[in-house]
N, C-alpha and C. Protein backbone atom coordinates (compact mmCIF):
# COMPACT_ATOMS: atom_id res chain seq x y z
N UNK A 1 0.88 -1.37 -0.04
CA UNK A 1 0.01 0.13 0.05
C UNK A 1 0.80 1.26 -0.29
N UNK A 2 2.32 1.33 -0.46
CA UNK A 2 3.20 2.32 -0.35
C UNK A 2 2.58 3.73 -1.20
N UNK A 3 1.54 3.15 -2.39
CA UNK A 3 1.11 4.20 -3.17
C UNK A 3 -0.26 5.06 -2.58
N UNK A 4 -0.90 4.30 -1.37
CA UNK A 4 -1.92 4.98 -1.11
C UNK A 4 -1.51 5.98 -0.42
N UNK A 5 -2.25 6.78 0.54
CA UNK A 5 -2.14 8.04 1.00
C UNK A 5 -1.72 7.63 2.57
N UNK A 6 -1.26 8.71 3.29
CA UNK A 6 -1.05 8.36 4.80
C UNK A 6 -2.24 8.50 5.25
N UNK A 7 -3.30 9.28 4.93
CA UNK A 7 -4.79 8.66 5.68
C UNK A 7 -5.03 7.44 5.39
N UNK A 8 -5.18 7.07 3.93
CA UNK A 8 -5.81 5.46 3.78
C UNK A 8 -5.17 4.54 4.30
N UNK A 9 -3.76 4.51 4.47
CA UNK A 9 -2.90 3.54 5.53
C UNK A 9 -3.30 3.74 7.04
N UNK A 10 -3.57 4.75 7.37
CA UNK A 10 -3.58 4.45 8.90
C UNK A 10 -5.16 4.27 9.25
N UNK A 11 -5.95 4.46 8.34
CA UNK A 11 -7.31 4.73 8.79
C UNK A 11 -8.17 3.11 8.34
N UNK A 12 -7.17 2.36 7.44
CA UNK A 12 -7.50 0.85 6.81
C UNK A 12 -7.68 -0.28 7.84
N UNK A 13 -9.01 -0.71 7.92
CA UNK A 13 -9.42 -2.18 8.39
C UNK A 13 -10.25 -1.18 9.94
N UNK A 14 -10.39 0.11 9.86
CA UNK A 14 -10.97 0.94 11.12
C UNK A 14 -12.15 1.83 10.60
N UNK A 15 -13.25 1.02 9.44
CA UNK A 15 -14.09 1.90 8.93
C UNK A 15 -15.31 1.52 9.81
N UNK A 16 -15.48 0.21 10.44
CA UNK A 16 -16.67 0.36 11.36
C UNK A 16 -16.60 1.38 13.07
N UNK A 17 -15.67 1.43 12.96
CA UNK A 17 -15.26 2.62 14.16
C UNK A 17 -15.92 3.80 13.47
N UNK A 18 -15.77 4.37 12.66
CA UNK A 18 -16.11 5.73 12.22
C UNK A 18 -17.33 5.68 11.21
N UNK A 19 -17.87 4.53 11.19
CA UNK A 19 -18.98 4.59 10.31
C UNK A 19 -20.40 4.24 11.04
N UNK A 20 -21.70 5.48 10.45
CA UNK A 20 -23.03 5.06 11.17
C UNK A 20 -23.78 4.92 10.26
N UNK A 21 -24.61 3.81 10.16
CA UNK A 21 -25.34 3.28 9.13
C UNK A 21 -25.04 3.04 7.52
N UNK A 22 -23.79 2.80 7.49
CA UNK A 22 -23.20 2.65 6.50
C UNK A 22 -22.10 3.70 5.44
N UNK A 23 -22.39 4.81 6.27
CA UNK A 23 -21.83 6.64 5.84
C UNK A 23 -20.67 6.30 6.89
N UNK A 24 -19.45 6.69 6.72
CA UNK A 24 -18.22 6.95 7.45
C UNK A 24 -18.56 8.19 7.72
N UNK A 25 -17.91 9.05 8.85
CA UNK A 25 -17.85 10.12 9.45
C UNK A 25 -16.46 10.69 9.00
N UNK A 26 -16.44 11.29 7.76
CA UNK A 26 -14.73 11.52 7.30
C UNK A 26 -14.12 12.27 8.44
N UNK A 27 -14.64 13.50 9.07
CA UNK A 27 -14.50 14.49 10.07
C UNK A 27 -13.95 13.73 11.05
N UNK A 28 -14.46 12.64 11.61
CA UNK A 28 -14.39 12.07 12.95
C UNK A 28 -12.81 11.23 12.37
N UNK A 29 -12.69 10.41 11.36
CA UNK A 29 -12.16 9.65 10.71
C UNK A 29 -10.47 10.60 10.47
N UNK A 30 -10.55 11.79 10.24
CA UNK A 30 -9.32 12.41 10.22
C UNK A 30 -8.81 12.76 11.18
N UNK A 31 -9.96 13.51 11.96
CA UNK A 31 -9.47 13.56 13.68
C UNK A 31 -8.61 12.77 14.17
N UNK A 32 -8.90 11.50 14.15
CA UNK A 32 -8.65 10.63 14.97
C UNK A 32 -7.35 10.21 14.13
N UNK A 33 -7.14 10.15 13.23
CA UNK A 33 -5.98 9.53 12.44
C UNK A 33 -4.88 10.73 12.56
N UNK A 34 -4.96 11.84 12.34
CA UNK A 34 -4.43 13.28 12.67
C UNK A 34 -3.71 12.86 14.43
N UNK A 35 -4.64 12.70 15.35
CA UNK A 35 -4.07 12.81 16.85
C UNK A 35 -3.01 11.16 17.00
N UNK A 36 -3.48 10.42 16.30
CA UNK A 36 -2.72 9.28 16.57
C UNK A 36 -1.05 9.47 15.72
N UNK A 37 -1.16 9.94 14.39
CA UNK A 37 -0.06 10.19 13.75
C UNK A 37 0.83 11.50 14.37
N UNK A 38 0.15 12.21 15.29
CA UNK A 38 0.86 13.44 16.05
C UNK A 38 1.40 12.93 17.39
N UNK A 39 0.54 11.99 17.97
CA UNK A 39 0.90 11.29 19.16
C UNK A 39 2.45 10.44 18.69
N UNK A 40 2.65 9.96 17.70
CA UNK A 40 3.46 8.84 17.25
C UNK A 40 4.83 10.03 16.69
N UNK A 41 4.74 11.31 16.70
CA UNK A 41 5.74 11.88 15.91
C UNK A 41 5.93 11.53 14.64
N UNK A 42 4.91 11.28 13.52
CA UNK A 42 5.08 11.33 12.23
C UNK A 42 5.43 12.37 11.61
N UNK A 43 6.34 12.78 11.06
CA UNK A 43 6.75 13.40 10.04
C UNK A 43 6.25 13.44 8.32
N UNK A 44 4.96 14.10 8.16
CA UNK A 44 4.46 14.06 6.60
C UNK A 44 4.09 15.32 6.41
N UNK A 45 3.91 15.49 5.42
CA UNK A 45 3.56 16.65 4.50
C UNK A 45 1.95 16.99 4.49
N UNK A 46 1.16 16.13 4.10
CA UNK A 46 -0.24 16.08 4.01
C UNK A 46 -0.52 14.61 4.44
N UNK A 47 -2.09 14.47 4.68
CA UNK A 47 -2.59 13.34 4.80
C UNK A 47 -2.66 12.66 3.40
N UNK A 48 -2.61 13.52 2.45
CA UNK A 48 -2.96 12.62 1.14
C UNK A 48 -1.67 12.50 0.38
N UNK A 49 -0.36 12.56 0.90
CA UNK A 49 0.85 12.19 0.89
C UNK A 49 1.21 10.61 0.74
N UNK A 50 1.25 10.10 -0.34
CA UNK A 50 1.77 8.83 -0.73
C UNK A 50 2.87 8.22 0.51
N UNK A 51 2.40 7.09 0.97
CA UNK A 51 3.17 6.60 2.58
C UNK A 51 4.59 6.37 2.00
N UNK A 52 4.88 5.58 0.51
CA UNK A 52 5.93 5.66 -0.18
C UNK A 52 6.86 6.51 -0.10
N UNK A 53 6.28 7.70 0.03
CA UNK A 53 7.36 8.99 -0.43
C UNK A 53 8.04 9.37 1.25
N UNK A 54 7.04 8.64 2.55
CA UNK A 54 7.86 8.62 3.71
C UNK A 54 9.35 8.05 4.21
N UNK A 55 10.07 8.27 5.28
CA UNK A 55 11.18 7.50 5.41
C UNK A 55 10.47 5.95 6.08
N UNK A 56 11.54 5.16 6.01
CA UNK A 56 10.92 3.65 6.82
C UNK A 56 10.43 3.92 8.47
N UNK A 57 11.33 4.72 8.96
CA UNK A 57 10.39 4.49 10.15
C UNK A 57 9.21 5.39 10.78
N UNK A 58 9.03 6.37 9.44
CA UNK A 58 7.49 6.82 9.45
C UNK A 58 6.41 6.12 8.89
N UNK A 59 6.98 4.91 7.90
CA UNK A 59 6.01 4.27 7.09
C UNK A 59 5.83 3.45 8.26
N UNK A 60 6.72 2.84 9.12
CA UNK A 60 6.44 1.61 10.19
C UNK A 60 5.73 2.46 11.16
N UNK A 61 5.64 4.14 11.34
CA UNK A 61 4.91 4.55 12.55
C UNK A 61 3.25 4.50 11.76
N UNK A 62 3.21 4.79 10.68
CA UNK A 62 1.82 4.74 10.16
C UNK A 62 1.22 3.48 10.39
N UNK A 63 1.69 2.52 9.82
CA UNK A 63 1.19 0.98 10.16
C UNK A 63 0.94 0.87 11.86
N UNK A 64 1.49 1.13 12.38
CA UNK A 64 1.37 0.91 13.81
C UNK A 64 0.26 1.81 14.36
N UNK A 65 -0.06 3.20 14.02
CA UNK A 65 -1.30 4.54 13.93
C UNK A 65 -2.34 3.40 13.75
N UNK A 66 -2.68 2.24 12.28
CA UNK A 66 -3.30 1.48 11.98
C UNK A 66 -3.97 0.71 13.08
N UNK A 67 -3.12 -0.02 14.23
CA UNK A 67 -3.66 -0.61 14.72
C UNK A 67 -3.78 0.19 16.33
N UNK A 68 -3.33 1.13 16.67
CA UNK A 68 -3.54 2.24 17.58
C UNK A 68 -4.78 2.57 17.88
N UNK A 69 -5.04 2.60 16.22
CA UNK A 69 -6.76 2.98 16.26
C UNK A 69 -8.06 2.57 16.53
N UNK A 70 -7.27 0.64 16.81
CA UNK A 70 -8.29 -0.26 17.08
C UNK A 70 -8.66 -0.09 18.63
N UNK A 71 -8.07 0.44 19.33
CA UNK A 71 -8.28 0.68 20.73
C UNK A 71 -8.63 -0.78 21.18
N UNK A 72 -7.42 -1.28 20.96
CA UNK A 72 -6.97 -2.46 21.44
C UNK A 72 -6.69 -2.66 22.97
N UNK A 73 -7.53 -3.48 23.86
CA UNK A 73 -6.92 -3.65 25.04
C UNK A 73 -5.46 -4.19 25.16
N UNK A 74 -5.14 -5.03 24.63
CA UNK A 74 -3.47 -5.41 24.50
C UNK A 74 -3.04 -5.37 22.77
N UNK A 75 -1.95 -5.06 22.65
CA UNK A 75 -1.30 -4.88 21.24
C UNK A 75 0.18 -5.43 21.58
N UNK A 76 0.33 -6.56 20.80
CA UNK A 76 1.50 -7.34 21.16
C UNK A 76 2.81 -7.15 19.58
N UNK A 77 3.74 -6.25 19.85
CA UNK A 77 4.48 -6.27 18.62
C UNK A 77 5.82 -6.31 18.78
């Protein structure tokens, strides 16, 4: 998914958390993605930037953000 945006990569698999009656609340999803990425210190120009243009460490943080958005009680890494 290196060609997909930072936003798509971070939100991937979390559609049920942000959807109501089949519609995704884009504002809530974007706010949550920004919050998690900020907490991890991910450096990116915009949420629409392809993940493949980020450094390797920031790419890994985006993948970690995807799992942190799931609100897991336990996350083994």
